[in-house]
Amino acid sequence: MHTKRFLRSAAVAFVAAASFTLTIPGNAYAIDHVECRGGESFLKIWSHSGGSDSVDCYANKGRTDFGGWWVDKISTGNNDLIYYDANGDSVRINRWTEITFPNRPPKVNSIEIL
């Protein structure tokens, strides 16, 4: 008898906890490193570090590590962006903006799509 009551109470508690978890918005973001394709409106970043050049594209809201690479150019596409540089500063760039850094590129530790 006690086991049946305990199992029923545990099941009710589990369902209540699950429904509470599903209804409370969290900070789970899903920024994705995606393939750069022409015609898409992804965030696109041209960068270099240690003699290597890279062009990377990102989609979806969230924040991710950028590894301290030097950023040469950013095209935000349809994304609002904040980049966090090695000096501890954060810089916001609005969507549909293209910016280049020919003389003093920032060293970026992480990026965030808003």
PDB file of N, CA and C in Angstrom:
ATOM      1  N   MET A   1       0.822  -1.186   0.000  1.00  0.00           N
ATOM      2  CA  MET A   1       0.000   0.000   0.000  1.00  0.00           C
ATOM      3  C   MET A   1       0.863   1.244   0.000  1.00  0.00           C
ATOM      4  N   HIS A   2       1.887   1.288   0.857  1.00  0.00           N
ATOM      5  CA  HIS A   2       2.753   2.451   0.931  1.00  0.00           C
ATOM      6  C   HIS A   2       3.556   2.627  -0.353  1.00  0.00           C
ATOM      7  N   THR A   3       3.964   1.522  -0.967  1.00  0.00           N
ATOM      8  CA  THR A   3       4.739   1.595  -2.213  1.00  0.00           C
ATOM      9  C   THR A   3       3.896   2.202  -3.319  1.00  0.00           C
ATOM     10  N   LYS A   4       2.647   1.817  -3.420  1.00  0.00           N
ATOM     11  CA  LYS A   4       1.763   2.351  -4.453  1.00  0.00           C
ATOM     12  C   LYS A   4       1.554   3.853  -4.256  1.00  0.00           C
ATOM     13  N   ARG A   5       1.346   4.279  -3.024  1.00  0.00           N
ATOM     14  CA  ARG A   5       1.155   5.699  -2.727  1.00  0.00           C
ATOM     15  C   ARG A   5       2.434   6.483  -3.042  1.00  0.00           C
ATOM     16  N   PHE A   6       3.589   5.904  -2.685  1.00  0.00           N
ATOM     17  CA  PHE A   6       4.867   6.558  -2.957  1.00  0.00           C
ATOM     18  C   PHE A   6       5.081   6.718  -4.461  1.00  0.00           C
ATOM     19  N   LEU A   7       4.823   5.672  -5.228  1.00  0.00           N
ATOM     20  CA  LEU A   7       4.997   5.737  -6.683  1.00  0.00           C
ATOM     21  C   LEU A   7       4.073   6.781  -7.302  1.00  0.00           C
ATOM     22  N   ARG A   8       2.833   6.840  -6.834  1.00  0.00           N
ATOM     23  CA  ARG A   8       1.889   7.833  -7.352  1.00  0.00           C
ATOM     24  C   ARG A   8       2.366   9.245  -6.996  1.00  0.00           C
ATOM     25  N   SER A   9       2.827   9.469  -5.768  1.00  0.00           N
ATOM     26  CA  SER A   9       3.338  10.778  -5.352  1.00  0.00           C
ATOM     27  C   SER A   9       4.575  11.164  -6.165  1.00  0.00           C
ATOM     28  N   ALA A  10       5.455  10.199  -6.406  1.00  0.00           N
ATOM     29  CA  ALA A  10       6.663  10.459  -7.188  1.00  0.00           C
ATOM     30  C   ALA A  10       6.295  10.820  -8.622  1.00  0.00           C
ATOM     31  N   ALA A  11       5.311  10.122  -9.192  1.00  0.00           N
ATOM     32  CA  ALA A  11       4.880  10.408 -10.561  1.00  0.00           C
ATOM     33  C   ALA A  11       4.275  11.809 -10.661  1.00  0.00           C
ATOM     34  N   VAL A  12       3.456  12.182  -9.691  1.00  0.00           N
ATOM     35  CA  VAL A  12       2.854  13.520  -9.687  1.00  0.00           C
ATOM     36  C   VAL A  12       3.942  14.585  -9.560  1.00  0.00           C
ATOM     37  N   ALA A  13       4.917  14.366  -8.697  1.00  0.00           N
ATOM     38  CA  ALA A  13       6.014  15.329  -8.521  1.00  0.00           C
ATOM     39  C   ALA A  13       6.826  15.448  -9.795  1.00  0.00           C
ATOM     40  N   PHE A  14       7.077  14.336 -10.467  1.00  0.00           N
ATOM     41  CA  PHE A  14       7.832  14.356 -11.713  1.00  0.00           C
ATOM     42  C   PHE A  14       7.094  15.145 -12.794  1.00  0.00           C
ATOM     43  N   VAL A  15       5.811  14.887 -12.951  1.00  0.00           N
ATOM     44  CA  VAL A  15       5.011  15.600 -13.952  1.00  0.00           C
ATOM     45  C   VAL A  15       4.972  17.093 -13.643  1.00  0.00           C
ATOM     46  N   ALA A  16       4.804  17.444 -12.382  1.00  0.00           N
ATOM     47  CA  ALA A  16       4.781  18.860 -11.998  1.00  0.00           C
ATOM     48  C   ALA A  16       6.127  19.524 -12.299  1.00  0.00           C
ATOM     49  N   ALA A  17       7.216  18.856 -11.970  1.00  0.00           N
ATOM     50  CA  ALA A  17       8.546  19.418 -12.234  1.00  0.00           C
ATOM     51  C   ALA A  17       8.787  19.553 -13.734  1.00  0.00           C
ATOM     52  N   ALA A  18       8.374  18.571 -14.501  1.00  0.00           N
ATOM     53  CA  ALA A  18       8.560  18.615 -15.956  1.00  0.00           C
ATOM     54  C   ALA A  18       7.758  19.747 -16.573  1.00  0.00           C
ATOM     55  N   SER A  19       6.517  19.920 -16.147  1.00  0.00           N
ATOM     56  CA  SER A  19       5.697  20.986 -16.719  1.00  0.00           C
ATOM     57  C   SER A  19       6.232  22.352 -16.309  1.00  0.00           C
ATOM     58  N   PHE A  20       6.750  22.480 -15.088  1.00  0.00           N
ATOM     59  CA  PHE A  20       7.340  23.746 -14.643  1.00  0.00           C
ATOM     60  C   PHE A  20       8.575  24.063 -15.476  1.00  0.00           C
ATOM     61  N   THR A  21       9.400  23.072 -15.742  1.00  0.00           N
ATOM     62  CA  THR A  21      10.609  23.264 -16.541  1.00  0.00           C
ATOM     63  C   THR A  21      10.261  23.695 -17.955  1.00  0.00           C
ATOM     64  N   LEU A  22       9.236  23.140 -18.527  1.00  0.00           N
ATOM     65  CA  LEU A  22       8.861  23.470 -19.903  1.00  0.00           C
ATOM     66  C   LEU A  22       8.222  24.839 -20.032  1.00  0.00           C
ATOM     67  N   THR A  23       7.616  25.354 -18.976  1.00  0.00           N
ATOM     68  CA  THR A  23       6.925  26.635 -19.081  1.00  0.00           C
ATOM     69  C   THR A  23       7.780  27.826 -18.667  1.00  0.00           C
ATOM     70  N   ILE A  24       8.910  27.594 -18.010  1.00  0.00           N
ATOM     71  CA  ILE A  24       9.776  28.689 -17.585  1.00  0.00           C
ATOM     72  C   ILE A  24      10.874  28.862 -18.623  1.00  0.00           C
ATOM     73  N   PRO A  25      10.926  30.042 -19.295  1.00  0.00           N
ATOM     74  CA  PRO A  25      11.979  30.231 -20.296  1.00  0.00           C
ATOM     75  C   PRO A  25      13.340  30.290 -19.622  1.00  0.00           C
ATOM     76  N   GLY A  26      14.320  29.693 -20.289  1.00  0.00           N
ATOM     77  CA  GLY A  26      15.669  29.672 -19.740  1.00  0.00           C
ATOM     78  C   GLY A  26      16.647  30.391 -20.655  1.00  0.00           C
ATOM     79  N   ASN A  27      17.912  30.262 -20.351  1.00  0.00           N
ATOM     80  CA  ASN A  27      18.956  30.878 -21.147  1.00  0.00           C
ATOM     81  C   ASN A  27      19.643  29.863 -22.049  1.00  0.00           C
ATOM     82  N   ALA A  28      18.944  28.846 -22.461  1.00  0.00           N
ATOM     83  CA  ALA A  28      19.525  27.842 -23.336  1.00  0.00           C
ATOM     84  C   ALA A  28      19.502  28.365 -24.774  1.00  0.00           C
ATOM     85  N   TYR A  29      20.663  28.742 -25.246  1.00  0.00           N
ATOM     86  CA  TYR A  29      20.767  29.270 -26.598  1.00  0.00           C
ATOM     87  C   TYR A  29      21.411  28.240 -27.497  1.00  0.00           C
ATOM     88  N   ALA A  30      21.182  28.399 -28.758  1.00  0.00           N
ATOM     89  CA  ALA A  30      21.662  27.401 -29.708  1.00  0.00           C
ATOM     90  C   ALA A  30      22.376  28.058 -30.874  1.00  0.00           C
ATOM     91  N   ILE A  31      23.351  28.941 -30.615  1.00  0.00           N
ATOM     92  CA  ILE A  31      24.114  29.522 -31.708  1.00  0.00           C
ATOM     93  C   ILE A  31      24.798  28.384 -32.451  1.00  0.00           C
ATOM     94  N   ASP A  32      24.786  28.463 -33.763  1.00  0.00           N
ATOM     95  CA  ASP A  32      25.356  27.404 -34.586  1.00  0.00           C
ATOM     96  C   ASP A  32      26.398  27.953 -35.534  1.00  0.00           C
ATOM     97  N   HIS A  33      27.521  27.259 -35.638  1.00  0.00           N
ATOM     98  CA  HIS A  33      28.523  27.522 -36.655  1.00  0.00           C
ATOM     99  C   HIS A  33      28.013  26.813 -37.904  1.00  0.00           C
ATOM    100  N   VAL A  34      27.722  27.566 -38.963  1.00  0.00           N
ATOM    101  CA  VAL A  34      27.094  26.982 -40.146  1.00  0.00           C
ATOM    102  C   VAL A  34      27.960  27.189 -41.378  1.00  0.00           C
ATOM    103  N   GLU A  35      27.646  26.447 -42.415  1.00  0.00           N
ATOM    104  CA  GLU A  35      28.342  26.600 -43.691  1.00  0.00           C
ATOM    105  C   GLU A  35      27.977  27.948 -44.309  1.00  0.00           C
ATOM    106  N   CYS A  36      28.988  28.686 -44.749  1.00  0.00           N
ATOM    107  CA  CYS A  36      28.737  29.963 -45.436  1.00  0.00           C
ATOM    108  C   CYS A  36      28.228  29.659 -46.844  1.00  0.00           C
ATOM    109  N   ARG A  37      27.066  30.225 -47.176  1.00  0.00           N
ATOM    110  CA  ARG A  37      26.479  30.021 -48.499  1.00  0.00           C
ATOM    111  C   ARG A  37      26.008  31.361 -49.031  1.00  0.00           C
ATOM    112  N   GLY A  38      26.245  31.589 -50.297  1.00  0.00           N
ATOM    113  CA  GLY A  38      25.782  32.814 -50.938  1.00  0.00           C
ATOM    114  C   GLY A  38      24.271  32.923 -50.866  1.00  0.00           C
ATOM    115  N   GLY A  39      23.778  34.139 -50.688  1.00  0.00           N
ATOM    116  CA  GLY A  39      22.343  34.363 -50.642  1.00  0.00           C
ATOM    117  C   GLY A  39      21.727  34.197 -49.266  1.00  0.00           C
ATOM    118  N   GLU A  40      22.492  33.716 -48.289  1.00  0.00           N
ATOM    119  CA  GLU A  40      21.987  33.557 -46.929  1.00  0.00           C
ATOM    120  C   GLU A  40      22.297  34.822 -46.123  1.00  0.00           C
ATOM    121  N   SER A  41      21.559  35.055 -45.072  1.00  0.00           N
ATOM    122  CA  SER A  41      21.732  36.254 -44.246  1.00  0.00           C
ATOM    123  C   SER A  41      22.378  35.925 -42.900  1.00  0.00           C
ATOM    124  N   PHE A  42      23.348  35.018 -42.923  1.00  0.00           N
ATOM    125  CA  PHE A  42      24.037  34.619 -41.708  1.00  0.00           C
ATOM    126  C   PHE A  42      25.003  35.716 -41.251  1.00  0.00           C
ATOM    127  N   LEU A  43      25.396  35.659 -39.989  1.00  0.00           N
ATOM    128  CA  LEU A  43      26.518  36.439 -39.497  1.00  0.00           C
ATOM    129  C   LEU A  43      27.766  35.838 -40.140  1.00  0.00           C
ATOM    130  N   LYS A  44      28.611  36.684 -40.745  1.00  0.00           N
ATOM    131  CA  LYS A  44      29.813  36.200 -41.421  1.00  0.00           C
ATOM    132  C   LYS A  44      31.007  36.994 -40.910  1.00  0.00           C
ATOM    133  N   ILE A  45      32.047  36.279 -40.473  1.00  0.00           N
ATOM    134  CA  ILE A  45      33.221  36.916 -39.884  1.00  0.00           C
ATOM    135  C   ILE A  45      34.490  36.422 -40.570  1.00  0.00           C
ATOM    136  N   TRP A  46      35.284  37.379 -41.051  1.00  0.00           N
ATOM    137  CA  TRP A  46      36.590  37.103 -41.634  1.00  0.00           C
ATOM    138  C   TRP A  46      37.618  37.375 -40.546  1.00  0.00           C
ATOM    139  N   SER A  47      38.527  36.428 -40.295  1.00  0.00           N
ATOM    140  CA  SER A  47      39.479  36.598 -39.198  1.00  0.00           C
ATOM    141  C   SER A  47      40.803  35.916 -39.520  1.00  0.00           C
ATOM    142  N   HIS A  48      41.798  36.191 -38.665  1.00  0.00           N
ATOM    143  CA  HIS A  48      43.107  35.556 -38.814  1.00  0.00           C
ATOM    144  C   HIS A  48      43.747  35.357 -37.442  1.00  0.00           C
ATOM    145  N   SER A  49      44.639  34.361 -37.364  1.00  0.00           N
ATOM    146  CA  SER A  49      45.386  34.092 -36.137  1.00  0.00           C
ATOM    147  C   SER A  49      46.522  33.124 -36.457  1.00  0.00           C
ATOM    148  N   GLY A  50      47.717  33.439 -35.984  1.00  0.00           N
ATOM    149  CA  GLY A  50      48.853  32.526 -36.146  1.00  0.00           C
ATOM    150  C   GLY A  50      49.160  32.155 -37.579  1.00  0.00           C
ATOM    151  N   GLY A  51      48.994  33.074 -38.517  1.00  0.00           N
ATOM    152  CA  GLY A  51      49.289  32.803 -39.920  1.00  0.00           C
ATOM    153  C   GLY A  51      48.162  32.122 -40.679  1.00  0.00           C
ATOM    154  N   SER A  52      47.041  31.872 -40.053  1.00  0.00           N
ATOM    155  CA  SER A  52      45.887  31.251 -40.712  1.00  0.00           C
ATOM    156  C   SER A  52      44.768  32.263 -40.878  1.00  0.00           C
ATOM    157  N   ASP A  53      44.074  32.178 -41.999  1.00  0.00           N
ATOM    158  CA  ASP A  53      42.892  32.993 -42.258  1.00  0.00           C
ATOM    159  C   ASP A  53      41.664  32.105 -42.186  1.00  0.00           C
ATOM    160  N   SER A  54      40.530  32.705 -41.805  1.00  0.00           N
ATOM    161  CA  SER A  54      39.294  31.938 -41.712  1.00  0.00           C
ATOM    162  C   SER A  54      38.102  32.819 -42.048  1.00  0.00           C
ATOM    163  N   VAL A  55      37.094  32.203 -42.632  1.00  0.00           N
ATOM    164  CA  VAL A  55      35.803  32.847 -42.847  1.00  0.00           C
ATOM    165  C   VAL A  55      34.775  31.917 -42.225  1.00  0.00           C
ATOM    166  N   ASP A  56      34.028  32.450 -41.250  1.00  0.00           N
ATOM    167  CA  ASP A  56      33.079  31.635 -40.507  1.00  0.00           C
ATOM    168  C   ASP A  56      31.705  32.278 -40.520  1.00  0.00           C
ATOM    169  N   CYS A  57      30.673  31.443 -40.552  1.00  0.00           N
ATOM    170  CA  CYS A  57      29.290  31.916 -40.520  1.00  0.00           C
ATOM    171  C   CYS A  57      28.562  31.309 -39.324  1.00  0.00           C
ATOM    172  N   TYR A  58      27.621  32.101 -38.791  1.00  0.00           N
ATOM    173  CA  TYR A  58      26.868  31.690 -37.606  1.00  0.00           C
ATOM    174  C   TYR A  58      25.394  32.019 -37.791  1.00  0.00           C
ATOM    175  N   ALA A  59      24.548  31.227 -37.156  1.00  0.00           N
ATOM    176  CA  ALA A  59      23.106  31.441 -37.179  1.00  0.00           C
ATOM    177  C   ALA A  59      22.540  31.146 -35.793  1.00  0.00           C
ATOM    178  N   ASN A  60      21.399  31.711 -35.511  1.00  0.00           N
ATOM    179  CA  ASN A  60      20.643  31.484 -34.277  1.00  0.00           C
ATOM    180  C   ASN A  60      21.201  32.268 -33.092  1.00  0.00           C
ATOM    181  N   LYS A  61      20.301  32.568 -32.182  1.00  0.00           N
ATOM    182  CA  LYS A  61      20.610  33.360 -30.992  1.00  0.00           C
ATOM    183  C   LYS A  61      21.522  32.586 -30.058  1.00  0.00           C
ATOM    184  N   GLY A  62      22.444  33.308 -29.416  1.00  0.00           N
ATOM    185  CA  GLY A  62      23.302  32.684 -28.422  1.00  0.00           C
ATOM    186  C   GLY A  62      24.709  33.251 -28.432  1.00  0.00           C
ATOM    187  N   ARG A  63      25.553  32.689 -27.580  1.00  0.00           N
ATOM    188  CA  ARG A  63      26.932  33.153 -27.427  1.00  0.00           C
ATOM    189  C   ARG A  63      27.874  31.971 -27.561  1.00  0.00           C
ATOM    190  N   THR A  64      29.029  32.207 -28.198  1.00  0.00           N
ATOM    191  CA  THR A  64      30.010  31.144 -28.365  1.00  0.00           C
ATOM    192  C   THR A  64      31.419  31.715 -28.316  1.00  0.00           C
ATOM    193  N   ASP A  65      32.361  30.871 -27.995  1.00  0.00           N
ATOM    194  CA  ASP A  65      33.772  31.237 -27.947  1.00  0.00           C
ATOM    195  C   ASP A  65      34.281  31.522 -29.358  1.00  0.00           C
ATOM    196  N   PHE A  66      35.148  32.532 -29.501  1.00  0.00           N
ATOM    197  CA  PHE A  66      35.744  32.837 -30.798  1.00  0.00           C
ATOM    198  C   PHE A  66      37.257  32.647 -30.778  1.00  0.00           C
ATOM    199  N   GLY A  67      37.813  32.279 -29.649  1.00  0.00           N
ATOM    200  CA  GLY A  67      39.194  31.837 -29.582  1.00  0.00           C
ATOM    201  C   GLY A  67      40.274  32.906 -29.634  1.00  0.00           C
ATOM    202  N   GLY A  68      39.928  34.177 -29.500  1.00  0.00           N
ATOM    203  CA  GLY A  68      40.948  35.218 -29.530  1.00  0.00           C
ATOM    204  C   GLY A  68      41.522  35.490 -30.906  1.00  0.00           C
ATOM    205  N   TRP A  69      40.762  35.220 -31.936  1.00  0.00           N
ATOM    206  CA  TRP A  69      41.205  35.509 -33.303  1.00  0.00           C
ATOM    207  C   TRP A  69      41.056  37.001 -33.582  1.00  0.00           C
ATOM    208  N   TRP A  70      41.886  37.518 -34.479  1.00  0.00           N
ATOM    209  CA  TRP A  70      41.828  38.908 -34.920  1.00  0.00           C
ATOM    210  C   TRP A  70      40.779  39.025 -36.012  1.00  0.00           C
ATOM    211  N   VAL A  71      39.810  39.915 -35.857  1.00  0.00           N
ATOM    212  CA  VAL A  71      38.701  40.041 -36.809  1.00  0.00           C
ATOM    213  C   VAL A  71      39.012  41.138 -37.822  1.00  0.00           C
ATOM    214  N   ASP A  72      38.954  40.767 -39.097  1.00  0.00           N
ATOM    215  CA  ASP A  72      39.228  41.699 -40.193  1.00  0.00           C
ATOM    216  C   ASP A  72      37.963  42.336 -40.746  1.00  0.00           C
ATOM    217  N   LYS A  73      36.870  41.569 -40.743  1.00  0.00           N
ATOM    218  CA  LYS A  73      35.630  42.053 -41.348  1.00  0.00           C
ATOM    219  C   LYS A  73      34.456  41.306 -40.739  1.00  0.00           C
ATOM    220  N   ILE A  74      33.332  42.018 -40.593  1.00  0.00           N
ATOM    221  CA  ILE A  74      32.100  41.412 -40.096  1.00  0.00           C
ATOM    222  C   ILE A  74      30.954  41.860 -40.987  1.00  0.00           C
ATOM    223  N   SER A  75      30.130  40.917 -41.391  1.00  0.00           N
ATOM    224  CA  SER A  75      28.864  41.199 -42.059  1.00  0.00           C
ATOM    225  C   SER A  75      27.784  40.546 -41.207  1.00  0.00           C
ATOM    226  N   THR A  76      26.924  41.371 -40.604  1.00  0.00           N
ATOM    227  CA  THR A  76      25.971  40.838 -39.629  1.00  0.00           C
ATOM    228  C   THR A  76      24.776  40.122 -40.247  1.00  0.00           C
ATOM    229  N   GLY A  77      24.494  40.383 -41.535  1.00  0.00           N
ATOM    230  CA  GLY A  77      23.294  39.781 -42.119  1.00  0.00           C
ATOM    231  C   GLY A  77      22.073  40.232 -41.335  1.00  0.00           C
ATOM    232  N   ASN A  78      21.161  39.320 -41.064  1.00  0.00           N
ATOM    233  CA  ASN A  78      19.941  39.700 -40.336  1.00  0.00           C
ATOM    234  C   ASN A  78      20.075  39.479 -38.828  1.00  0.00           C
ATOM    235  N   ASN A  79      21.300  39.611 -38.310  1.00  0.00           N
ATOM    236  CA  ASN A  79      21.577  39.358 -36.897  1.00  0.00           C
ATOM    237  C   ASN A  79      22.129  40.598 -36.204  1.00  0.00           C
ATOM    238  N   ASP A  80      21.632  40.882 -34.999  1.00  0.00           N
ATOM    239  CA  ASP A  80      22.270  41.873 -34.142  1.00  0.00           C
ATOM    240  C   ASP A  80      23.366  41.134 -33.388  1.00  0.00           C
ATOM    241  N   LEU A  81      24.539  41.758 -33.278  1.00  0.00           N
ATOM    242  CA  LEU A  81      25.726  41.082 -32.750  1.00  0.00           C
ATOM    243  C   LEU A  81      26.362  41.885 -31.632  1.00  0.00           C
ATOM    244  N   ILE A  82      26.903  41.185 -30.652  1.00  0.00           N
ATOM    245  CA  ILE A  82      27.834  41.769 -29.698  1.00  0.00           C
ATOM    246  C   ILE A  82      29.090  40.912 -29.763  1.00  0.00           C
ATOM    247  N   TYR A  83      30.258  41.567 -29.953  1.00  0.00           N
ATOM    248  CA  TYR A  83      31.490  40.809 -29.814  1.00  0.00           C
ATOM    249  C   TYR A  83      32.220  41.288 -28.570  1.00  0.00           C
ATOM    250  N   TYR A  84      32.889  40.351 -27.910  1.00  0.00           N
ATOM    251  CA  TYR A  84      33.602  40.600 -26.666  1.00  0.00           C
ATOM    252  C   TYR A  84      35.084  40.467 -26.960  1.00  0.00           C
ATOM    253  N   ASP A  85      35.831  41.596 -26.835  1.00  0.00           N
ATOM    254  CA  ASP A  85      37.232  41.557 -27.233  1.00  0.00           C
ATOM    255  C   ASP A  85      38.161  41.252 -26.055  1.00  0.00           C
ATOM    256  N   ALA A  86      39.440  41.062 -26.384  1.00  0.00           N
ATOM    257  CA  ALA A  86      40.437  40.673 -25.393  1.00  0.00           C
ATOM    258  C   ALA A  86      40.705  41.766 -24.374  1.00  0.00           C
ATOM    259  N   ASN A  87      40.296  42.997 -24.655  1.00  0.00           N
ATOM    260  CA  ASN A  87      40.464  44.100 -23.711  1.00  0.00           C
ATOM    261  C   ASN A  87      39.344  44.163 -22.683  1.00  0.00           C
ATOM    262  N   GLY A  88      38.379  43.276 -22.786  1.00  0.00           N
ATOM    263  CA  GLY A  88      37.259  43.262 -21.857  1.00  0.00           C
ATOM    264  C   GLY A  88      36.087  44.123 -22.290  1.00  0.00           C
ATOM    265  N   ASP A  89      36.157  44.671 -23.488  1.00  0.00           N
ATOM    266  CA  ASP A  89      35.083  45.519 -23.996  1.00  0.00           C
ATOM    267  C   ASP A  89      34.069  44.680 -24.766  1.00  0.00           C
ATOM    268  N   SER A  90      32.841  45.159 -24.827  1.00  0.00           N
ATOM    269  CA  SER A  90      31.820  44.527 -25.662  1.00  0.00           C
ATOM    270  C   SER A  90      31.328  45.579 -26.647  1.00  0.00           C
ATOM    271  N   VAL A  91      31.176  45.171 -27.901  1.00  0.00           N
ATOM    272  CA  VAL A  91      30.786  46.091 -28.966  1.00  0.00           C
ATOM    273  C   VAL A  91      29.571  45.522 -29.681  1.00  0.00           C
ATOM    274  N   ARG A  92      28.524  46.340 -29.759  1.00  0.00           N
ATOM    275  CA  ARG A  92      27.307  45.924 -30.450  1.00  0.00           C
ATOM    276  C   ARG A  92      27.348  46.426 -31.891  1.00  0.00           C
ATOM    277  N   ILE A  93      26.936  45.553 -32.810  1.00  0.00           N
ATOM    278  CA  ILE A  93      26.815  45.908 -34.217  1.00  0.00           C
ATOM    279  C   ILE A  93      25.420  45.480 -34.661  1.00  0.00           C
ATOM    280  N   ASN A  94      24.666  46.402 -35.208  1.00  0.00           N
ATOM    281  CA  ASN A  94      23.292  46.126 -35.621  1.00  0.00           C
ATOM    282  C   ASN A  94      23.232  45.289 -36.893  1.00  0.00           C
ATOM    283  N   ARG A  95      22.079  44.668 -37.090  1.00  0.00           N
ATOM    284  CA  ARG A  95      21.861  43.846 -38.287  1.00  0.00           C
ATOM    285  C   ARG A  95      22.012  44.679 -39.557  1.00  0.00           C
ATOM    286  N   TRP A  96      22.299  44.000 -40.643  1.00  0.00           N
ATOM    287  CA  TRP A  96      22.480  44.578 -41.973  1.00  0.00           C
ATOM    288  C   TRP A  96      23.641  45.575 -41.998  1.00  0.00           C
ATOM    289  N   THR A  97      24.685  45.294 -41.231  1.00  0.00           N
ATOM    290  CA  THR A  97      25.873  46.146 -41.183  1.00  0.00           C
ATOM    291  C   THR A  97      27.079  45.350 -41.654  1.00  0.00           C
ATOM    292  N   GLU A  98      27.934  46.005 -42.429  1.00  0.00           N
ATOM    293  CA  GLU A  98      29.209  45.410 -42.816  1.00  0.00           C
ATOM    294  C   GLU A  98      30.301  46.367 -42.367  1.00  0.00           C
ATOM    295  N   ILE A  99      31.267  45.846 -41.633  1.00  0.00           N
ATOM    296  CA  ILE A  99      32.328  46.684 -41.085  1.00  0.00           C
ATOM    297  C   ILE A  99      33.668  45.995 -41.288  1.00  0.00           C
ATOM    298  N   THR A 100      34.699  46.781 -41.634  1.00  0.00           N
ATOM    299  CA  THR A 100      36.048  46.237 -41.782  1.00  0.00           C
ATOM    300  C   THR A 100      36.974  46.920 -40.780  1.00  0.00           C
ATOM    301  N   PHE A 101      38.041  46.242 -40.440  1.00  0.00           N
ATOM    302  CA  PHE A 101      39.024  46.743 -39.489  1.00  0.00           C
ATOM    303  C   PHE A 101      40.407  46.671 -40.154  1.00  0.00           C
ATOM    304  N   PRO A 102      40.716  47.577 -41.115  1.00  0.00           N
ATOM    305  CA  PRO A 102      41.961  47.462 -41.873  1.00  0.00           C
ATOM    306  C   PRO A 102      43.222  47.793 -41.072  1.00  0.00           C
ATOM    307  N   ASN A 103      43.135  48.669 -40.087  1.00  0.00           N
ATOM    308  CA  ASN A 103      44.329  49.111 -39.371  1.00  0.00           C
ATOM    309  C   ASN A 103      44.511  48.471 -38.005  1.00  0.00           C
ATOM    310  N   ARG A 104      43.433  48.347 -37.250  1.00  0.00           N
ATOM    311  CA  ARG A 104      43.516  47.808 -35.891  1.00  0.00           C
ATOM    312  C   ARG A 104      42.388  46.810 -35.654  1.00  0.00           C
ATOM    313  N   PRO A 105      42.559  45.591 -36.131  1.00  0.00           N
ATOM    314  CA  PRO A 105      41.485  44.610 -35.924  1.00  0.00           C
ATOM    315  C   PRO A 105      41.362  44.224 -34.455  1.00  0.00           C
ATOM    316  N   PRO A 106      40.133  44.028 -33.998  1.00  0.00           N
ATOM    317  CA  PRO A 106      39.947  43.589 -32.607  1.00  0.00           C
ATOM    318  C   PRO A 106      40.279  42.101 -32.451  1.00  0.00           C
ATOM    319  N   LYS A 107      40.817  41.756 -31.304  1.00  0.00           N
ATOM    320  CA  LYS A 107      41.051  40.361 -30.946  1.00  0.00           C
ATOM    321  C   LYS A 107      39.823  39.923 -30.163  1.00  0.00           C
ATOM    322  N   VAL A 108      39.046  39.016 -30.736  1.00  0.00           N
ATOM    323  CA  VAL A 108      37.719  38.676 -30.209  1.00  0.00           C
ATOM    324  C   VAL A 108      37.747  37.345 -29.458  1.00  0.00           C
ATOM    325  N   ASN A 109      37.269  37.395 -28.215  1.00  0.00           N
ATOM    326  CA  ASN A 109      37.200  36.185 -27.385  1.00  0.00           C
ATOM    327  C   ASN A 109      35.888  35.426 -27.581  1.00  0.00           C
ATOM    328  N   SER A 110      34.782  36.160 -27.750  1.00  0.00           N
ATOM    329  CA  SER A 110      33.504  35.491 -27.960  1.00  0.00           C
ATOM    330  C   SER A 110      32.562  36.402 -28.729  1.00  0.00           C
ATOM    331  N   ILE A 111      31.535  35.792 -29.314  1.00  0.00           N
ATOM    332  CA  ILE A 111      30.521  36.513 -30.067  1.00  0.00           C
ATOM    333  C   ILE A 111      29.146  36.105 -29.555  1.00  0.00           C
ATOM    334  N   GLU A 112      28.195  37.027 -29.685  1.00  0.00           N
ATOM    335  CA  GLU A 112      26.822  36.740 -29.254  1.00  0.00           C
ATOM    336  C   GLU A 112      25.841  37.298 -30.261  1.00  0.00           C
ATOM    337  N   ILE A 113      24.972  36.439 -30.776  1.00  0.00           N
ATOM    338  CA  ILE A 113      23.859  36.870 -31.626  1.00  0.00           C
ATOM    339  C   ILE A 113      22.685  37.114 -30.712  1.00  0.00           C
ATOM    340  N   LEU A 114      22.083  38.313 -30.817  1.00  0.00           N
ATOM    341  CA  LEU A 114      20.971  38.688 -29.950  1.00  0.00           C
ATOM    342  C   LEU A 114      19.638  38.266 -30.524  1.00  0.00           C
TER     343      LEU A 114
END
